[in-house]
PDB file of N, CA and C in Angstrom:
ATOM      1  N   MET A   1      20.131   1.756   1.494  1.00  0.00           N
ATOM      2  CA  MET A   1      19.436   2.091   0.176  1.00  0.00           C
ATOM      3  C   MET A   1      17.643   1.214   0.622  1.00  0.00           C
ATOM      4  N   ASP A   2      17.860   0.096   1.030  1.00  0.00           N
ATOM      5  CA  ASP A   2      16.524  -0.570   0.936  1.00  0.00           C
ATOM      6  C   ASP A   2      15.537   0.131   1.840  1.00  0.00           C
ATOM      7  N   LEU A   3      15.880   0.705   2.612  1.00  0.00           N
ATOM      8  CA  LEU A   3      14.828   1.586   3.449  1.00  0.00           C
ATOM      9  C   LEU A   3      14.074   2.848   2.712  1.00  0.00           C
ATOM     10  N   ILE A   4      14.918   3.076   2.114  1.00  0.00           N
ATOM     11  CA  ILE A   4      14.819   4.170   1.089  1.00  0.00           C
ATOM     12  C   ILE A   4      13.358   3.849   0.029  1.00  0.00           C
ATOM     13  N   VAL A   5      13.823   2.591  -0.308  1.00  0.00           N
ATOM     14  CA  VAL A   5      13.172   2.350  -1.427  1.00  0.00           C
ATOM     15  C   VAL A   5      11.598   1.680  -0.827  1.00  0.00           C
ATOM     16  N   TYR A   6      11.803   1.003   0.415  1.00  0.00           N
ATOM     17  CA  TYR A   6      10.637   1.033   1.029  1.00  0.00           C
ATOM     18  C   TYR A   6       9.539   1.747   1.349  1.00  0.00           C
ATOM     19  N   LEU A   7      10.018   2.950   1.895  1.00  0.00           N
ATOM     20  CA  LEU A   7       9.244   4.203   2.265  1.00  0.00           C
ATOM     21  C   LEU A   7       8.942   4.910   1.144  1.00  0.00           C
ATOM     22  N   LEU A   8       9.806   4.884   0.267  1.00  0.00           N
ATOM     23  CA  LEU A   8       8.844   5.664  -0.710  1.00  0.00           C
ATOM     24  C   LEU A   8       7.910   4.571  -1.504  1.00  0.00           C
ATOM     25  N   LEU A   9       7.843   3.383  -1.949  1.00  0.00           N
ATOM     26  CA  LEU A   9       6.977   2.395  -2.471  1.00  0.00           C
ATOM     27  C   LEU A   9       5.700   2.449  -1.237  1.00  0.00           C
ATOM     28  N   GLY A  10       6.164   2.532  -0.270  1.00  0.00           N
ATOM     29  CA  GLY A  10       4.946   2.603   0.723  1.00  0.00           C
ATOM     30  C   GLY A  10       4.282   4.254   0.599  1.00  0.00           C
ATOM     31  N   ALA A  11       4.798   4.878   0.487  1.00  0.00           N
ATOM     32  CA  ALA A  11       4.071   6.332   0.535  1.00  0.00           C
ATOM     33  C   ALA A  11       3.420   6.352  -1.017  1.00  0.00           C
ATOM     34  N   LEU A  12       4.333   5.444  -2.073  1.00  0.00           N
ATOM     35  CA  LEU A  12       3.188   5.857  -3.114  1.00  0.00           C
ATOM     36  C   LEU A  12       2.265   4.847  -3.114  1.00  0.00           C
ATOM     37  N   ALA A  13       2.049   3.740  -2.569  1.00  0.00           N
ATOM     38  CA  ALA A  13       0.854   2.853  -2.519  1.00  0.00           C
ATOM     39  C   ALA A  13      -0.150   3.270  -1.526  1.00  0.00           C
ATOM     40  N   GLY A  14       0.662   4.134  -0.224  1.00  0.00           N
ATOM     41  CA  GLY A  14      -0.389   4.781   0.477  1.00  0.00           C
ATOM     42  C   GLY A  14      -1.152   5.839  -0.371  1.00  0.00           C
ATOM     43  N   TYR A  15      -0.475   6.667  -1.217  1.00  0.00           N
ATOM     44  CA  TYR A  15      -0.643   7.497  -1.699  1.00  0.00           C
ATOM     45  C   TYR A  15      -2.353   7.108  -3.004  1.00  0.00           C
ATOM     46  N   LEU A  16      -1.997   5.515  -3.561  1.00  0.00           N
ATOM     47  CA  LEU A  16      -2.405   5.405  -4.796  1.00  0.00           C
ATOM     48  C   LEU A  16      -3.881   4.621  -4.006  1.00  0.00           C
ATOM     49  N   GLY A  17      -4.007   4.328  -3.026  1.00  0.00           N
ATOM     50  CA  GLY A  17      -4.579   3.635  -2.054  1.00  0.00           C
ATOM     51  C   GLY A  17      -5.890   4.758  -1.726  1.00  0.00           C
ATOM     52  N   GLY A  18      -5.042   5.859  -1.011  1.00  0.00           N
ATOM     53  CA  GLY A  18      -6.117   6.748  -1.134  1.00  0.00           C
ATOM     54  C   GLY A  18      -6.842   7.537  -1.754  1.00  0.00           C
ATOM     55  N   GLN A  19      -5.848   7.530  -3.086  1.00  0.00           N
ATOM     56  CA  GLN A  19      -6.820   8.305  -4.479  1.00  0.00           C
ATOM     57  C   GLN A  19      -7.892   7.310  -4.712  1.00  0.00           C
ATOM     58  N   LEU A  20      -7.616   5.886  -4.596  1.00  0.00           N
ATOM     59  CA  LEU A  20      -8.723   5.229  -5.043  1.00  0.00           C
ATOM     60  C   LEU A  20     -10.092   4.879  -3.907  1.00  0.00           C
ATOM     61  N   MET A  21      -9.734   5.167  -2.828  1.00  0.00           N
ATOM     62  CA  MET A  21     -10.866   5.444  -1.455  1.00  0.00           C
ATOM     63  C   MET A  21     -11.336   6.667  -1.270  1.00  0.00           C
ATOM     64  N   GLY A  22     -10.979   7.295  -2.342  1.00  0.00           N
ATOM     65  CA  GLY A  22     -11.063   8.979  -2.139  1.00  0.00           C
ATOM     66  C   GLY A  22     -10.786   9.818  -0.817  1.00  0.00           C
ATOM     67  N   LYS A  23      -9.418   9.091  -0.733  1.00  0.00           N
ATOM     68  CA  LYS A  23      -8.786  10.023   0.638  1.00  0.00           C
ATOM     69  C   LYS A  23      -7.544  10.596   0.629  1.00  0.00           C
ATOM     70  N   ALA A  24      -7.688  11.904   1.110  1.00  0.00           N
ATOM     71  CA  ALA A  24      -6.461  12.596   0.657  1.00  0.00           C
ATOM     72  C   ALA A  24      -5.666  12.453   2.239  1.00  0.00           C
ATOM     73  N   ASN A  25      -4.462  12.055   1.999  1.00  0.00           N
ATOM     74  CA  ASN A  25      -3.695  12.317   3.473  1.00  0.00           C
ATOM     75  C   ASN A  25      -2.214  12.694   3.243  1.00  0.00           C
ATOM     76  N   SER A  26      -1.873  13.662   4.454  1.00  0.00           N
ATOM     77  CA  SER A  26      -0.225  13.919   4.116  1.00  0.00           C
ATOM     78  C   SER A  26       0.371  12.673   3.794  1.00  0.00           C
ATOM     79  N   ILE A  27       1.858  13.216   3.748  1.00  0.00           N
ATOM     80  CA  ILE A  27       2.935  11.895   3.487  1.00  0.00           C
ATOM     81  C   ILE A  27       3.518  10.987   4.361  1.00  0.00           C
ATOM     82  N   LEU A  28       3.246  11.489   5.618  1.00  0.00           N
ATOM     83  CA  LEU A  28       3.715  10.653   6.673  1.00  0.00           C
ATOM     84  C   LEU A  28       2.175   9.582   7.030  1.00  0.00           C
ATOM     85  N   VAL A  29       1.401  10.196   6.831  1.00  0.00           N
ATOM     86  CA  VAL A  29       0.487   9.282   6.577  1.00  0.00           C
ATOM     87  C   VAL A  29       0.148   8.248   5.881  1.00  0.00           C
ATOM     88  N   ASN A  30       0.716   8.534   4.216  1.00  0.00           N
ATOM     89  CA  ASN A  30       0.541   7.421   3.356  1.00  0.00           C
ATOM     90  C   ASN A  30       2.010   6.647   3.228  1.00  0.00           C
ATOM     91  N   ILE A  31       2.964   7.418   3.883  1.00  0.00           N
ATOM     92  CA  ILE A  31       4.292   5.995   4.410  1.00  0.00           C
ATOM     93  C   ILE A  31       3.439   5.104   5.323  1.00  0.00           C
ATOM     94  N   PHE A  32       2.593   5.418   6.132  1.00  0.00           N
ATOM     95  CA  PHE A  32       1.937   4.561   7.447  1.00  0.00           C
ATOM     96  C   PHE A  32       1.357   3.515   6.637  1.00  0.00           C
ATOM     97  N   VAL A  33       0.112   4.092   6.159  1.00  0.00           N
ATOM     98  CA  VAL A  33      -0.913   3.463   5.893  1.00  0.00           C
ATOM     99  C   VAL A  33      -0.386   2.790   4.268  1.00  0.00           C
ATOM    100  N   GLY A  34       0.637   2.724   3.551  1.00  0.00           N
ATOM    101  CA  GLY A  34       1.274   2.456   2.443  1.00  0.00           C
ATOM    102  C   GLY A  34       2.380   0.907   3.191  1.00  0.00           C
ATOM    103  N   ILE A  35       2.690   1.100   4.241  1.00  0.00           N
ATOM    104  CA  ILE A  35       3.751   0.178   4.687  1.00  0.00           C
ATOM    105  C   ILE A  35       2.781  -0.862   5.376  1.00  0.00           C
ATOM    106  N   ILE A  36       1.793  -0.514   6.585  1.00  0.00           N
ATOM    107  CA  ILE A  36       0.650  -1.372   6.922  1.00  0.00           C
ATOM    108  C   ILE A  36      -0.087  -2.141   5.879  1.00  0.00           C
ATOM    109  N   GLY A  37      -0.281  -1.404   4.797  1.00  0.00           N
ATOM    110  CA  GLY A  37      -1.040  -1.858   3.728  1.00  0.00           C
ATOM    111  C   GLY A  37      -0.520  -2.908   3.095  1.00  0.00           C
ATOM    112  N   GLY A  38       0.854  -2.662   2.764  1.00  0.00           N
ATOM    113  CA  GLY A  38       1.830  -3.725   2.189  1.00  0.00           C
ATOM    114  C   GLY A  38       1.565  -4.913   3.266  1.00  0.00           C
ATOM    115  N   MET A  39       1.992  -5.106   4.220  1.00  0.00           N
ATOM    116  CA  MET A  39       1.682  -6.251   5.160  1.00  0.00           C
ATOM    117  C   MET A  39       0.532  -6.910   5.283  1.00  0.00           C
ATOM    118  N   ILE A  40      -0.826  -6.184   4.885  1.00  0.00           N
ATOM    119  CA  ILE A  40      -1.773  -6.656   4.893  1.00  0.00           C
ATOM    120  C   ILE A  40      -2.441  -7.431   3.814  1.00  0.00           C
ATOM    121  N   GLY A  41      -1.677  -6.743   2.807  1.00  0.00           N
ATOM    122  CA  GLY A  41      -1.677  -7.250   1.132  1.00  0.00           C
ATOM    123  C   GLY A  41      -1.011  -8.439   1.348  1.00  0.00           C
ATOM    124  N   GLY A  42      -0.025  -8.512   1.659  1.00  0.00           N
ATOM    125  CA  GLY A  42       0.926  -9.790   1.735  1.00  0.00           C
ATOM    126  C   GLY A  42       0.277 -11.265   2.387  1.00  0.00           C
ATOM    127  N   TRP A  43      -0.204 -10.691   3.394  1.00  0.00           N
ATOM    128  CA  TRP A  43      -0.937 -11.737   4.295  1.00  0.00           C
ATOM    129  C   TRP A  43      -2.113 -11.934   3.254  1.00  0.00           C
ATOM    130  N   LEU A  44      -3.011 -11.402   2.956  1.00  0.00           N
ATOM    131  CA  LEU A  44      -4.151 -11.424   2.460  1.00  0.00           C
ATOM    132  C   LEU A  44      -4.078 -12.654   1.094  1.00  0.00           C
ATOM    133  N   PHE A  45      -2.875 -11.799  -0.055  1.00  0.00           N
ATOM    134  CA  PHE A  45      -2.809 -12.279  -1.571  1.00  0.00           C
ATOM    135  C   PHE A  45      -1.527 -12.994  -1.529  1.00  0.00           C
ATOM    136  N   GLY A  46      -0.853 -13.261  -0.710  1.00  0.00           N
ATOM    137  CA  GLY A  46       0.531 -13.965  -0.638  1.00  0.00           C
ATOM    138  C   GLY A  46       1.241 -13.707  -1.918  1.00  0.00           C
ATOM    139  N   ASP A  47       1.478 -14.804  -2.633  1.00  0.00           N
ATOM    140  CA  ASP A  47       2.213 -14.726  -3.947  1.00  0.00           C
ATOM    141  C   ASP A  47       1.588 -14.538  -5.136  1.00  0.00           C
ATOM    142  N   LEU A  48       0.309 -14.235  -4.940  1.00  0.00           N
ATOM    143  CA  LEU A  48      -1.013 -13.848  -6.305  1.00  0.00           C
ATOM    144  C   LEU A  48      -0.213 -13.118  -7.331  1.00  0.00           C
ATOM    145  N   PHE A  49       0.536 -12.164  -7.033  1.00  0.00           N
ATOM    146  CA  PHE A  49       1.106 -11.405  -7.915  1.00  0.00           C
ATOM    147  C   PHE A  49       2.504 -11.103  -8.377  1.00  0.00           C
ATOM    148  N   SER A  50       3.051 -11.977  -7.644  1.00  0.00           N
ATOM    149  CA  SER A  50       4.339 -12.681  -7.551  1.00  0.00           C
ATOM    150  C   SER A  50       5.377 -12.613  -9.015  1.00  0.00           C
ATOM    151  N   SER A  51       4.084 -12.765 -10.134  1.00  0.00           N
ATOM    152  CA  SER A  51       4.555 -13.082 -11.413  1.00  0.00           C
ATOM    153  C   SER A  51       4.780 -11.873 -12.591  1.00  0.00           C
ATOM    154  N   LEU A  52       4.324 -10.715 -12.186  1.00  0.00           N
ATOM    155  CA  LEU A  52       4.305  -9.729 -12.188  1.00  0.00           C
ATOM    156  C   LEU A  52       5.955  -9.369 -12.335  1.00  0.00           C
ATOM    157  N   PRO A  53       6.476  -8.712 -13.874  1.00  0.00           N
ATOM    158  CA  PRO A  53       7.699  -8.052 -13.918  1.00  0.00           C
ATOM    159  C   PRO A  53       8.196  -7.280 -12.924  1.00  0.00           C
ATOM    160  N   GLU A  54       9.407  -6.761 -12.779  1.00  0.00           N
ATOM    161  CA  GLU A  54      10.014  -5.930 -11.883  1.00  0.00           C
ATOM    162  C   GLU A  54      10.525  -4.623 -12.808  1.00  0.00           C
ATOM    163  N   LEU A  55      10.439  -3.796 -11.947  1.00  0.00           N
ATOM    164  CA  LEU A  55      10.814  -2.289 -12.589  1.00  0.00           C
ATOM    165  C   LEU A  55      11.781  -1.680 -11.792  1.00  0.00           C
ATOM    166  N   GLY A  56      13.134  -2.054 -12.265  1.00  0.00           N
ATOM    167  CA  GLY A  56      14.173  -1.743 -11.692  1.00  0.00           C
ATOM    168  C   GLY A  56      13.853  -2.271 -10.312  1.00  0.00           C
ATOM    169  N   PRO A  57      14.353  -1.560  -9.072  1.00  0.00           N
ATOM    170  CA  PRO A  57      14.237  -2.222  -7.479  1.00  0.00           C
ATOM    171  C   PRO A  57      12.644  -2.443  -7.464  1.00  0.00           C
ATOM    172  N   VAL A  58      11.507  -2.020  -8.013  1.00  0.00           N
ATOM    173  CA  VAL A  58      10.197  -2.125  -7.653  1.00  0.00           C
ATOM    174  C   VAL A  58       9.897  -3.392  -8.435  1.00  0.00           C
ATOM    175  N   LYS A  59       9.133  -4.306  -7.502  1.00  0.00           N
ATOM    176  CA  LYS A  59       8.482  -5.289  -7.854  1.00  0.00           C
ATOM    177  C   LYS A  59       7.002  -5.030  -8.301  1.00  0.00           C
ATOM    178  N   LEU A  60       6.471  -4.722  -9.264  1.00  0.00           N
ATOM    179  CA  LEU A  60       5.153  -4.405  -9.648  1.00  0.00           C
ATOM    180  C   LEU A  60       4.567  -5.297  -8.503  1.00  0.00           C
ATOM    181  N   GLY A  61       4.301  -6.718  -8.685  1.00  0.00           N
ATOM    182  CA  GLY A  61       3.317  -7.264  -7.605  1.00  0.00           C
ATOM    183  C   GLY A  61       3.321  -6.816  -6.695  1.00  0.00           C
ATOM    184  N   GLY A  62       4.512  -6.532  -5.802  1.00  0.00           N
ATOM    185  CA  GLY A  62       4.432  -6.029  -4.782  1.00  0.00           C
ATOM    186  C   GLY A  62       3.726  -4.430  -4.281  1.00  0.00           C
ATOM    187  N   LEU A  63       3.907  -4.055  -6.092  1.00  0.00           N
ATOM    188  CA  LEU A  63       3.173  -2.306  -5.344  1.00  0.00           C
ATOM    189  C   LEU A  63       2.084  -2.823  -5.112  1.00  0.00           C
ATOM    190  N   ILE A  64       1.218  -3.660  -6.213  1.00  0.00           N
ATOM    191  CA  ILE A  64      -0.648  -4.190  -6.409  1.00  0.00           C
ATOM    192  C   ILE A  64      -0.715  -4.311  -4.803  1.00  0.00           C
ATOM    193  N   THR A  65       0.419  -5.428  -4.687  1.00  0.00           N
ATOM    194  CA  THR A  65      -0.173  -5.596  -3.421  1.00  0.00           C
ATOM    195  C   THR A  65      -0.651  -4.877  -2.312  1.00  0.00           C
ATOM    196  N   ALA A  66       0.530  -4.097  -2.266  1.00  0.00           N
ATOM    197  CA  ALA A  66       0.494  -3.106  -0.980  1.00  0.00           C
ATOM    198  C   ALA A  66      -0.548  -2.125  -1.436  1.00  0.00           C
ATOM    199  N   VAL A  67      -0.871  -1.776  -2.538  1.00  0.00           N
ATOM    200  CA  VAL A  67      -1.775  -0.652  -2.612  1.00  0.00           C
ATOM    201  C   VAL A  67      -3.589  -1.277  -2.441  1.00  0.00           C
ATOM    202  N   LEU A  68      -3.756  -2.301  -3.056  1.00  0.00           N
ATOM    203  CA  LEU A  68      -4.952  -3.387  -2.572  1.00  0.00           C
ATOM    204  C   LEU A  68      -4.933  -3.293  -0.896  1.00  0.00           C
ATOM    205  N   GLY A  69      -3.827  -3.722  -0.329  1.00  0.00           N
ATOM    206  CA  GLY A  69      -3.969  -3.816   1.168  1.00  0.00           C
ATOM    207  C   GLY A  69      -3.866  -2.394   1.866  1.00  0.00           C
ATOM    208  N   SER A  70      -3.715  -1.062   1.490  1.00  0.00           N
ATOM    209  CA  SER A  70      -3.628   0.154   1.508  1.00  0.00           C
ATOM    210  C   SER A  70      -5.324   0.273   1.505  1.00  0.00           C
ATOM    211  N   CYS A  71      -5.997   0.288   0.364  1.00  0.00           N
ATOM    212  CA  CYS A  71      -7.296  -0.053   0.151  1.00  0.00           C
ATOM    213  C   CYS A  71      -8.190  -0.379   1.204  1.00  0.00           C
ATOM    214  N   ILE A  72      -8.115  -1.628   1.523  1.00  0.00           N
ATOM    215  CA  ILE A  72      -8.473  -2.554   2.651  1.00  0.00           C
ATOM    216  C   ILE A  72      -8.599  -1.815   3.807  1.00  0.00           C
ATOM    217  N   LEU A  73      -7.097  -1.396   4.183  1.00  0.00           N
ATOM    218  CA  LEU A  73      -6.667  -0.620   5.428  1.00  0.00           C
ATOM    219  C   LEU A  73      -7.664   0.621   5.754  1.00  0.00           C
ATOM    220  N   LEU A  74      -7.723   1.695   4.506  1.00  0.00           N
ATOM    221  CA  LEU A  74      -8.228   2.448   4.563  1.00  0.00           C
ATOM    222  C   LEU A  74      -9.936   2.366   4.836  1.00  0.00           C
ATOM    223  N   TRP A  75     -10.280   1.084   4.347  1.00  0.00           N
ATOM    224  CA  TRP A  75     -12.179   1.005   4.440  1.00  0.00           C
ATOM    225  C   TRP A  75     -12.370   0.853   5.636  1.00  0.00           C
ATOM    226  N   VAL A  76     -11.184   0.049   6.346  1.00  0.00           N
ATOM    227  CA  VAL A  76     -11.505  -0.565   7.684  1.00  0.00           C
ATOM    228  C   VAL A  76     -11.700   0.966   8.397  1.00  0.00           C
ATOM    229  N   ILE A  77     -10.644   1.842   8.322  1.00  0.00           N
ATOM    230  CA  ILE A  77     -10.488   3.076   9.052  1.00  0.00           C
ATOM    231  C   ILE A  77     -11.776   3.544   9.056  1.00  0.00           C
ATOM    232  N   GLY A  78     -12.372   3.599   7.984  1.00  0.00           N
ATOM    233  CA  GLY A  78     -13.554   4.547   7.524  1.00  0.00           C
ATOM    234  C   GLY A  78     -14.791   3.773   8.324  1.00  0.00           C
ATOM    235  N   LEU A  79     -14.780   2.555   8.346  1.00  0.00           N
ATOM    236  CA  LEU A  79     -15.734   1.757   8.920  1.00  0.00           C
ATOM    237  C   LEU A  79     -15.575   2.107  10.661  1.00  0.00           C
ATOM    238  N   ILE A  80     -14.437   2.226  10.735  1.00  0.00           N
ATOM    239  CA  ILE A  80     -14.032   2.710  12.747  1.00  0.00           C
ATOM    240  C   ILE A  80     -14.855   3.968  12.811  1.00  0.00           C
ATOM    241  N   GLN A  81     -14.360   5.048  11.994  1.00  0.00           N
ATOM    242  CA  GLN A  81     -14.852   6.270  11.811  1.00  0.00           C
ATOM    243  C   GLN A  81     -16.019   6.685  12.455  1.00  0.00           C
ATOM    244  N   LYS A  82     -16.833   5.655  11.171  1.00  0.00           N
ATOM    245  CA  LYS A  82     -18.419   5.999  11.315  1.00  0.00           C
ATOM    246  C   LYS A  82     -19.032   5.821  12.164  1.00  0.00           C
ATOM    247  N   LYS A  83     -18.564   4.915  13.278  1.00  0.00           N
ATOM    248  CA  LYS A  83     -19.138   4.654  14.998  1.00  0.00           C
ATOM    249  C   LYS A  83     -18.752   5.521  15.562  1.00  0.00           C
TER     250      LYS A  83
END
């Protein structure tokens, strides 16, 4: 059950990050970007958003962290693709 929640949150974070950065991706790319973005965001921001409330099984702070990490990942990918 937790795996399904993580995949859905990864897809949501990847989708939101893509929308914020102006990039449209497939669902598999969104899941990948969201999960990797969550790791990047957790590494960069740590417990910065941990005091935000939970929405059922979803921690709002974790989702914000993953979206910000996804934006950073997509920005770096965009820099690499330009070269």
